């Protein structure tokens, strides 16, 4: 796994949802909803979602200014939000599923997508990590611009 220093932006959302009975697929969909809300609050416009192709799926396609952002979302249910102060920053890490193979797969699908819509501007692949707290469904988001 590549160990890159990637600038990121964190936020905590007040989106309380009962996640106790949710399936893995439903948790992923909830994480994508939270990520979309985060992006909208930070000036992005959602262009497309869950674009499937043989090469893979694009979770979120968003635009900000003249740039198209292909956003891969990774969600994780955890008992509490990780904190570097308490020493559990690595205990619950959705980025463990954001590995090099997955990023390359997203990039191949993104190349198809931008060609298919005749996009001539700048585009990039970003990541969005979503922690969903078990007890109350609160979410924390960490946005990772340009993971590729």
N, C-alpha and C. Protein backbone atom coordinates (compact mmCIF):
# COMPACT_ATOMS: atom_id res chain seq x y z
N UNK A 1 0.84 -1.18 0.00
CA UNK A 1 0.00 0.00 0.00
C UNK A 1 0.88 1.23 0.00
N UNK A 2 0.53 2.21 -0.82
CA UNK A 2 1.30 3.45 -0.89
C UNK A 2 1.00 4.28 0.35
N UNK A 3 2.02 4.92 0.89
CA UNK A 3 1.84 5.77 2.06
C UNK A 3 2.15 7.19 1.64
N UNK A 4 1.14 7.90 1.20
CA UNK A 4 1.32 9.26 0.72
C UNK A 4 0.78 10.25 1.73
N UNK A 5 1.42 11.38 1.84
CA UNK A 5 0.89 12.46 2.67
C UNK A 5 -0.08 13.25 1.80
N UNK A 6 -1.35 13.13 2.12
CA UNK A 6 -2.39 13.77 1.33
C UNK A 6 -3.08 14.80 2.20
N UNK A 7 -3.16 16.05 1.76
CA UNK A 7 -3.89 17.03 2.55
C UNK A 7 -5.36 16.63 2.64
N UNK A 8 -5.97 16.90 3.76
CA UNK A 8 -7.37 16.52 3.91
C UNK A 8 -8.12 17.57 4.71
N UNK A 9 -9.41 17.48 4.63
CA UNK A 9 -10.30 18.38 5.35
C UNK A 9 -11.24 17.51 6.15
N UNK A 10 -11.42 17.81 7.44
CA UNK A 10 -12.32 17.02 8.28
C UNK A 10 -13.53 17.84 8.68
N UNK A 11 -14.61 17.15 8.95
CA UNK A 11 -15.83 17.80 9.44
C UNK A 11 -16.66 16.76 10.18
N UNK A 12 -17.46 17.22 11.11
CA UNK A 12 -18.41 16.34 11.77
C UNK A 12 -19.79 16.81 11.40
N UNK A 13 -20.65 15.87 11.06
CA UNK A 13 -22.01 16.20 10.68
C UNK A 13 -22.99 15.83 11.77
N UNK A 14 -24.10 16.50 11.78
CA UNK A 14 -25.15 16.22 12.73
C UNK A 14 -26.26 15.44 12.04
N UNK A 15 -25.91 14.31 11.47
CA UNK A 15 -26.89 13.49 10.76
C UNK A 15 -27.11 12.23 11.57
N UNK A 16 -28.06 12.27 12.48
CA UNK A 16 -28.32 11.13 13.35
C UNK A 16 -29.26 10.15 12.64
N UNK A 17 -28.82 8.90 12.56
CA UNK A 17 -29.56 7.85 11.89
C UNK A 17 -29.39 6.57 12.70
N UNK A 18 -30.43 5.77 12.79
CA UNK A 18 -30.32 4.48 13.45
C UNK A 18 -29.63 3.51 12.49
N UNK A 19 -28.40 3.13 12.81
CA UNK A 19 -27.64 2.27 11.89
C UNK A 19 -27.52 0.84 12.39
N UNK A 20 -28.16 0.54 13.51
CA UNK A 20 -28.03 -0.78 14.13
C UNK A 20 -28.46 -1.91 13.20
N UNK A 21 -29.51 -1.72 12.45
CA UNK A 21 -30.03 -2.80 11.61
C UNK A 21 -29.67 -2.66 10.14
N UNK A 22 -28.74 -1.80 9.81
CA UNK A 22 -28.37 -1.56 8.42
C UNK A 22 -27.41 -2.64 7.90
N UNK A 23 -27.61 -3.03 6.64
CA UNK A 23 -26.69 -3.96 5.99
C UNK A 23 -25.44 -3.20 5.54
N UNK A 24 -24.43 -3.95 5.11
CA UNK A 24 -23.20 -3.34 4.63
C UNK A 24 -23.48 -2.41 3.43
N UNK A 25 -24.37 -2.87 2.55
CA UNK A 25 -24.74 -2.06 1.37
C UNK A 25 -25.45 -0.77 1.81
N UNK A 26 -26.34 -0.88 2.79
CA UNK A 26 -27.05 0.30 3.29
C UNK A 26 -26.10 1.27 3.99
N UNK A 27 -25.11 0.74 4.69
CA UNK A 27 -24.10 1.58 5.34
C UNK A 27 -23.32 2.35 4.27
N UNK A 28 -22.96 1.66 3.20
CA UNK A 28 -22.25 2.31 2.10
C UNK A 28 -23.08 3.41 1.46
N UNK A 29 -24.36 3.14 1.25
CA UNK A 29 -25.26 4.15 0.66
C UNK A 29 -25.42 5.35 1.60
N UNK A 30 -25.50 5.08 2.90
CA UNK A 30 -25.61 6.17 3.88
C UNK A 30 -24.33 7.00 3.88
N UNK A 31 -23.18 6.34 3.81
CA UNK A 31 -21.92 7.06 3.73
C UNK A 31 -21.84 7.95 2.50
N UNK A 32 -22.35 7.47 1.39
CA UNK A 32 -22.37 8.28 0.16
C UNK A 32 -23.30 9.48 0.31
N UNK A 33 -24.45 9.28 0.98
CA UNK A 33 -25.36 10.40 1.24
C UNK A 33 -24.67 11.48 2.08
N UNK A 34 -23.99 11.03 3.12
CA UNK A 34 -23.27 11.97 4.00
C UNK A 34 -22.19 12.70 3.20
N UNK A 35 -21.44 11.95 2.36
CA UNK A 35 -20.39 12.56 1.55
C UNK A 35 -20.97 13.60 0.58
N UNK A 36 -22.12 13.29 -0.03
CA UNK A 36 -22.77 14.26 -0.92
C UNK A 36 -23.14 15.53 -0.17
N UNK A 37 -23.69 15.37 1.01
CA UNK A 37 -24.06 16.53 1.82
C UNK A 37 -22.83 17.36 2.16
N UNK A 38 -21.76 16.69 2.52
CA UNK A 38 -20.49 17.38 2.82
C UNK A 38 -20.03 18.19 1.60
N UNK A 39 -20.02 17.54 0.44
CA UNK A 39 -19.56 18.22 -0.78
C UNK A 39 -20.43 19.43 -1.11
N UNK A 40 -21.74 19.28 -1.00
CA UNK A 40 -22.65 20.40 -1.28
C UNK A 40 -22.37 21.56 -0.32
N UNK A 41 -22.17 21.26 0.95
CA UNK A 41 -21.89 22.31 1.95
C UNK A 41 -20.57 23.02 1.69
N UNK A 42 -19.69 22.37 0.93
CA UNK A 42 -18.40 22.96 0.63
C UNK A 42 -18.30 23.47 -0.82
N UNK A 43 -19.44 23.74 -1.43
CA UNK A 43 -19.47 24.40 -2.73
C UNK A 43 -19.42 23.52 -3.96
N UNK A 44 -19.53 22.22 -3.79
CA UNK A 44 -19.54 21.31 -4.93
C UNK A 44 -20.97 21.16 -5.44
N UNK A 45 -21.08 20.83 -6.70
CA UNK A 45 -22.37 20.49 -7.30
C UNK A 45 -22.32 19.01 -7.68
N UNK A 46 -23.29 18.24 -7.22
CA UNK A 46 -23.32 16.81 -7.54
C UNK A 46 -23.82 16.65 -8.97
N UNK A 47 -23.01 16.00 -9.81
CA UNK A 47 -23.31 15.82 -11.22
C UNK A 47 -23.92 14.44 -11.48
N UNK A 48 -23.38 13.43 -10.81
CA UNK A 48 -23.81 12.05 -11.06
C UNK A 48 -23.48 11.21 -9.84
N UNK A 49 -24.18 10.06 -9.71
CA UNK A 49 -23.92 9.15 -8.59
C UNK A 49 -24.04 7.71 -9.05
N UNK A 50 -23.24 6.86 -8.44
CA UNK A 50 -23.30 5.41 -8.67
C UNK A 50 -23.30 5.05 -10.16
N UNK A 51 -22.31 5.56 -10.86
CA UNK A 51 -22.16 5.27 -12.28
C UNK A 51 -21.43 3.94 -12.41
N UNK A 52 -22.11 2.93 -12.96
CA UNK A 52 -21.54 1.59 -13.07
C UNK A 52 -21.06 1.31 -14.49
N UNK A 53 -19.96 0.61 -14.57
CA UNK A 53 -19.34 0.20 -15.83
C UNK A 53 -18.64 -1.12 -15.55
N UNK A 54 -18.26 -1.85 -16.57
CA UNK A 54 -17.54 -3.11 -16.36
C UNK A 54 -16.27 -2.92 -15.53
N UNK A 55 -15.61 -1.79 -15.70
CA UNK A 55 -14.36 -1.54 -14.99
C UNK A 55 -14.56 -1.15 -13.53
N UNK A 56 -15.78 -0.82 -13.14
CA UNK A 56 -16.04 -0.44 -11.76
C UNK A 56 -17.18 0.55 -11.64
N UNK A 57 -17.29 1.12 -10.45
CA UNK A 57 -18.36 2.08 -10.18
C UNK A 57 -17.77 3.37 -9.65
N UNK A 58 -18.36 4.47 -10.06
CA UNK A 58 -18.00 5.79 -9.53
C UNK A 58 -19.06 6.17 -8.50
N UNK A 59 -18.64 6.38 -7.26
CA UNK A 59 -19.60 6.68 -6.20
C UNK A 59 -20.26 8.05 -6.42
N UNK A 60 -19.42 9.08 -6.59
CA UNK A 60 -19.93 10.44 -6.75
C UNK A 60 -19.12 11.15 -7.81
N UNK A 61 -19.81 11.85 -8.70
CA UNK A 61 -19.16 12.76 -9.64
C UNK A 61 -19.68 14.14 -9.29
N UNK A 62 -18.76 15.05 -8.98
CA UNK A 62 -19.14 16.39 -8.55
C UNK A 62 -18.30 17.41 -9.30
N UNK A 63 -18.78 18.63 -9.35
CA UNK A 63 -17.98 19.69 -9.96
C UNK A 63 -17.80 20.83 -8.97
N UNK A 64 -16.65 21.44 -9.08
CA UNK A 64 -16.33 22.63 -8.28
C UNK A 64 -15.55 23.54 -9.21
N UNK A 65 -16.13 24.68 -9.51
CA UNK A 65 -15.49 25.56 -10.48
C UNK A 65 -15.43 24.88 -11.83
N UNK A 66 -14.24 24.84 -12.41
CA UNK A 66 -14.04 24.23 -13.72
C UNK A 66 -13.50 22.80 -13.64
N UNK A 67 -13.49 22.22 -12.45
CA UNK A 67 -12.91 20.90 -12.26
C UNK A 67 -13.98 19.86 -11.94
N UNK A 68 -13.86 18.71 -12.57
CA UNK A 68 -14.74 17.58 -12.29
C UNK A 68 -14.04 16.69 -11.26
N UNK A 69 -14.75 16.34 -10.21
CA UNK A 69 -14.18 15.52 -9.13
C UNK A 69 -14.88 14.16 -9.12
N UNK A 70 -14.08 13.11 -9.25
CA UNK A 70 -14.58 11.74 -9.13
C UNK A 70 -14.25 11.34 -7.70
N UNK A 71 -15.29 11.10 -6.88
CA UNK A 71 -15.08 10.89 -5.45
C UNK A 71 -15.40 9.45 -5.06
N UNK A 72 -14.41 8.76 -4.55
CA UNK A 72 -14.57 7.40 -4.03
C UNK A 72 -14.84 7.51 -2.53
N UNK A 73 -15.95 6.94 -2.08
CA UNK A 73 -16.36 7.04 -0.69
C UNK A 73 -16.12 5.71 0.02
N UNK A 74 -15.53 5.78 1.19
CA UNK A 74 -15.33 4.61 2.05
C UNK A 74 -15.95 4.92 3.41
N UNK A 75 -16.86 4.05 3.84
CA UNK A 75 -17.60 4.26 5.10
C UNK A 75 -17.28 3.16 6.09
N UNK A 76 -17.37 3.50 7.37
CA UNK A 76 -17.09 2.55 8.42
C UNK A 76 -17.95 2.87 9.64
N UNK A 77 -18.58 1.85 10.21
CA UNK A 77 -19.32 2.02 11.46
C UNK A 77 -18.32 1.78 12.59
N UNK A 78 -18.32 2.67 13.58
CA UNK A 78 -17.38 2.56 14.68
C UNK A 78 -18.05 2.96 15.99
N UNK A 79 -17.52 2.47 17.13
CA UNK A 79 -18.13 2.82 18.41
C UNK A 79 -17.95 4.30 18.77
N UNK A 80 -16.88 4.90 18.31
CA UNK A 80 -16.60 6.31 18.57
C UNK A 80 -15.71 6.86 17.48
N UNK A 81 -15.65 8.17 17.37
CA UNK A 81 -14.80 8.77 16.35
C UNK A 81 -13.34 8.64 16.77
N UNK A 82 -12.46 8.32 15.82
CA UNK A 82 -11.05 8.20 16.15
C UNK A 82 -10.47 9.55 16.54
N UNK A 83 -9.53 9.52 17.46
CA UNK A 83 -8.91 10.75 17.94
C UNK A 83 -7.43 10.53 18.19
N UNK A 84 -6.57 11.39 17.64
CA UNK A 84 -5.14 11.24 17.90
C UNK A 84 -4.82 11.50 19.38
N UNK A 85 -5.69 12.23 20.06
CA UNK A 85 -5.46 12.54 21.48
C UNK A 85 -5.60 11.28 22.34
N UNK A 86 -6.60 10.46 22.06
CA UNK A 86 -6.81 9.24 22.84
C UNK A 86 -6.01 8.06 22.31
N UNK A 87 -5.30 8.25 21.21
CA UNK A 87 -4.44 7.20 20.67
C UNK A 87 -5.15 6.18 19.81
N UNK A 88 -6.40 6.42 19.46
CA UNK A 88 -7.12 5.44 18.64
C UNK A 88 -7.35 5.93 17.20
N UNK A 89 -6.49 6.81 16.74
CA UNK A 89 -6.65 7.40 15.40
C UNK A 89 -6.63 6.34 14.31
N UNK A 90 -5.89 5.25 14.52
CA UNK A 90 -5.79 4.21 13.49
C UNK A 90 -6.72 3.04 13.76
N UNK A 91 -7.44 3.06 14.88
CA UNK A 91 -8.27 1.91 15.26
C UNK A 91 -9.40 1.68 14.27
N UNK A 92 -10.02 2.72 13.80
CA UNK A 92 -11.14 2.63 12.88
C UNK A 92 -10.79 3.46 11.66
N UNK A 93 -10.29 2.81 10.63
CA UNK A 93 -9.76 3.56 9.49
C UNK A 93 -10.34 3.07 8.17
N UNK A 94 -11.35 3.78 7.64
CA UNK A 94 -11.94 3.36 6.35
C UNK A 94 -10.95 3.48 5.19
N UNK A 95 -9.88 4.24 5.36
CA UNK A 95 -8.91 4.37 4.26
C UNK A 95 -8.17 3.05 4.01
N UNK A 96 -8.26 2.10 4.94
CA UNK A 96 -7.65 0.79 4.71
C UNK A 96 -8.25 0.11 3.48
N UNK A 97 -9.48 0.48 3.14
CA UNK A 97 -10.13 -0.06 1.94
C UNK A 97 -9.94 0.82 0.72
N UNK A 98 -9.17 1.87 0.86
CA UNK A 98 -8.89 2.78 -0.25
C UNK A 98 -7.45 2.51 -0.70
N UNK A 99 -7.21 1.32 -1.21
CA UNK A 99 -5.88 0.88 -1.57
C UNK A 99 -5.58 1.18 -3.04
N UNK A 100 -4.33 0.98 -3.41
CA UNK A 100 -3.85 1.33 -4.75
C UNK A 100 -4.66 0.66 -5.86
N UNK A 101 -4.98 -0.62 -5.71
CA UNK A 101 -5.76 -1.32 -6.74
C UNK A 101 -7.12 -0.66 -6.94
N UNK A 102 -7.80 -0.32 -5.84
CA UNK A 102 -9.13 0.31 -5.92
C UNK A 102 -9.03 1.68 -6.58
N UNK A 103 -8.01 2.44 -6.24
CA UNK A 103 -7.83 3.77 -6.82
C UNK A 103 -7.59 3.67 -8.33
N UNK A 104 -6.78 2.71 -8.74
CA UNK A 104 -6.53 2.51 -10.19
C UNK A 104 -7.82 2.11 -10.91
N UNK A 105 -8.62 1.27 -10.28
CA UNK A 105 -9.89 0.84 -10.86
C UNK A 105 -10.84 2.03 -11.03
N UNK A 106 -10.90 2.88 -10.02
CA UNK A 106 -11.73 4.09 -10.10
C UNK A 106 -11.20 5.00 -11.21
N UNK A 107 -9.88 5.13 -11.31
CA UNK A 107 -9.29 6.00 -12.33
C UNK A 107 -9.62 5.50 -13.74
N UNK A 108 -9.57 4.18 -13.96
CA UNK A 108 -9.93 3.63 -15.28
C UNK A 108 -11.39 3.94 -15.62
N UNK A 109 -12.26 3.76 -14.64
CA UNK A 109 -13.68 4.05 -14.86
C UNK A 109 -13.89 5.55 -15.07
N UNK A 110 -13.14 6.37 -14.36
CA UNK A 110 -13.22 7.82 -14.52
C UNK A 110 -12.77 8.25 -15.91
N UNK A 111 -11.73 7.62 -16.43
CA UNK A 111 -11.27 7.93 -17.79
C UNK A 111 -12.37 7.65 -18.80
N UNK A 112 -13.05 6.51 -18.63
CA UNK A 112 -14.18 6.19 -19.51
C UNK A 112 -15.27 7.26 -19.37
N UNK A 113 -15.59 7.63 -18.12
CA UNK A 113 -16.68 8.58 -17.85
C UNK A 113 -16.41 9.93 -18.51
N UNK A 114 -15.22 10.49 -18.31
CA UNK A 114 -14.94 11.82 -18.87
C UNK A 114 -14.92 11.77 -20.39
N UNK A 115 -14.47 10.66 -20.98
CA UNK A 115 -14.49 10.51 -22.44
C UNK A 115 -15.93 10.39 -22.93
N UNK A 116 -16.75 9.66 -22.19
CA UNK A 116 -18.14 9.42 -22.58
C UNK A 116 -18.97 10.70 -22.57
N UNK A 117 -18.67 11.62 -21.65
CA UNK A 117 -19.43 12.88 -21.59
C UNK A 117 -18.72 14.01 -22.34
N UNK A 118 -17.63 13.67 -23.04
CA UNK A 118 -16.85 14.65 -23.80
C UNK A 118 -16.34 15.78 -22.93
N UNK A 119 -15.90 15.46 -21.72
CA UNK A 119 -15.37 16.46 -20.80
C UNK A 119 -13.99 16.90 -21.29
N UNK A 120 -13.80 18.20 -21.44
CA UNK A 120 -12.53 18.71 -21.93
C UNK A 120 -11.75 19.48 -20.88
N UNK A 121 -12.33 19.60 -19.69
CA UNK A 121 -11.66 20.35 -18.63
C UNK A 121 -10.82 19.47 -17.73
N UNK A 122 -10.42 20.04 -16.62
CA UNK A 122 -9.63 19.32 -15.62
C UNK A 122 -10.53 18.36 -14.85
N UNK A 123 -9.95 17.25 -14.44
CA UNK A 123 -10.66 16.31 -13.57
C UNK A 123 -9.67 15.63 -12.66
N UNK A 124 -10.18 15.15 -11.53
CA UNK A 124 -9.30 14.50 -10.57
C UNK A 124 -10.08 13.45 -9.78
N UNK A 125 -9.33 12.51 -9.19
CA UNK A 125 -9.92 11.47 -8.35
C UNK A 125 -9.66 11.86 -6.90
N UNK A 126 -10.72 11.94 -6.12
CA UNK A 126 -10.64 12.30 -4.71
C UNK A 126 -11.19 11.15 -3.86
N UNK A 127 -10.90 11.20 -2.59
CA UNK A 127 -11.45 10.22 -1.65
C UNK A 127 -12.27 10.92 -0.59
N UNK A 128 -13.19 10.21 -0.02
CA UNK A 128 -14.00 10.75 1.07
C UNK A 128 -14.20 9.62 2.09
N UNK A 129 -13.68 9.80 3.29
CA UNK A 129 -13.80 8.81 4.35
C UNK A 129 -14.93 9.22 5.28
N UNK A 130 -15.81 8.28 5.60
CA UNK A 130 -16.96 8.57 6.44
C UNK A 130 -16.99 7.58 7.61
N UNK A 131 -16.95 8.12 8.82
CA UNK A 131 -17.11 7.32 10.02
C UNK A 131 -18.54 7.51 10.51
N UNK A 132 -19.25 6.44 10.78
CA UNK A 132 -20.62 6.50 11.32
C UNK A 132 -20.58 5.93 12.73
N UNK A 133 -20.91 6.76 13.71
CA UNK A 133 -20.85 6.33 15.10
C UNK A 133 -22.04 5.44 15.44
N UNK A 134 -21.78 4.25 15.99
CA UNK A 134 -22.80 3.24 16.27
C UNK A 134 -23.95 3.74 17.14
N UNK A 135 -23.63 4.41 18.21
CA UNK A 135 -24.66 4.71 19.21
C UNK A 135 -25.70 5.72 18.76
N UNK A 136 -25.33 6.62 17.84
CA UNK A 136 -26.29 7.65 17.46
C UNK A 136 -26.33 7.96 15.96
N UNK A 137 -25.51 7.28 15.17
CA UNK A 137 -25.52 7.51 13.73
C UNK A 137 -24.89 8.81 13.29
N UNK A 138 -24.24 9.51 14.20
CA UNK A 138 -23.53 10.74 13.83
C UNK A 138 -22.40 10.39 12.87
N UNK A 139 -22.06 11.31 12.00
CA UNK A 139 -21.04 11.04 10.99
C UNK A 139 -19.89 12.04 11.07
N UNK A 140 -18.71 11.56 10.79
CA UNK A 140 -17.53 12.40 10.63
C UNK A 140 -17.00 12.14 9.23
N UNK A 141 -16.58 13.20 8.55
CA UNK A 141 -16.11 13.10 7.17
C UNK A 141 -14.69 13.63 7.07
N UNK A 142 -13.89 12.93 6.31
CA UNK A 142 -12.55 13.42 5.96
C UNK A 142 -12.43 13.36 4.45
N UNK A 143 -12.26 14.51 3.84
CA UNK A 143 -12.16 14.63 2.39
C UNK A 143 -10.68 14.62 1.99
N UNK A 144 -10.36 13.79 1.01
CA UNK A 144 -8.97 13.65 0.55
C UNK A 144 -8.89 14.07 -0.92
N UNK A 145 -8.49 15.29 -1.21
CA UNK A 145 -8.41 15.73 -2.60
C UNK A 145 -7.23 15.08 -3.32
N UNK A 146 -7.40 14.80 -4.58
CA UNK A 146 -6.37 14.28 -5.48
C UNK A 146 -5.59 13.11 -4.91
N UNK A 147 -6.29 11.98 -4.73
CA UNK A 147 -5.63 10.79 -4.20
C UNK A 147 -4.84 10.06 -5.28
N UNK A 148 -4.96 10.51 -6.51
CA UNK A 148 -4.21 9.90 -7.61
C UNK A 148 -3.40 10.95 -8.30
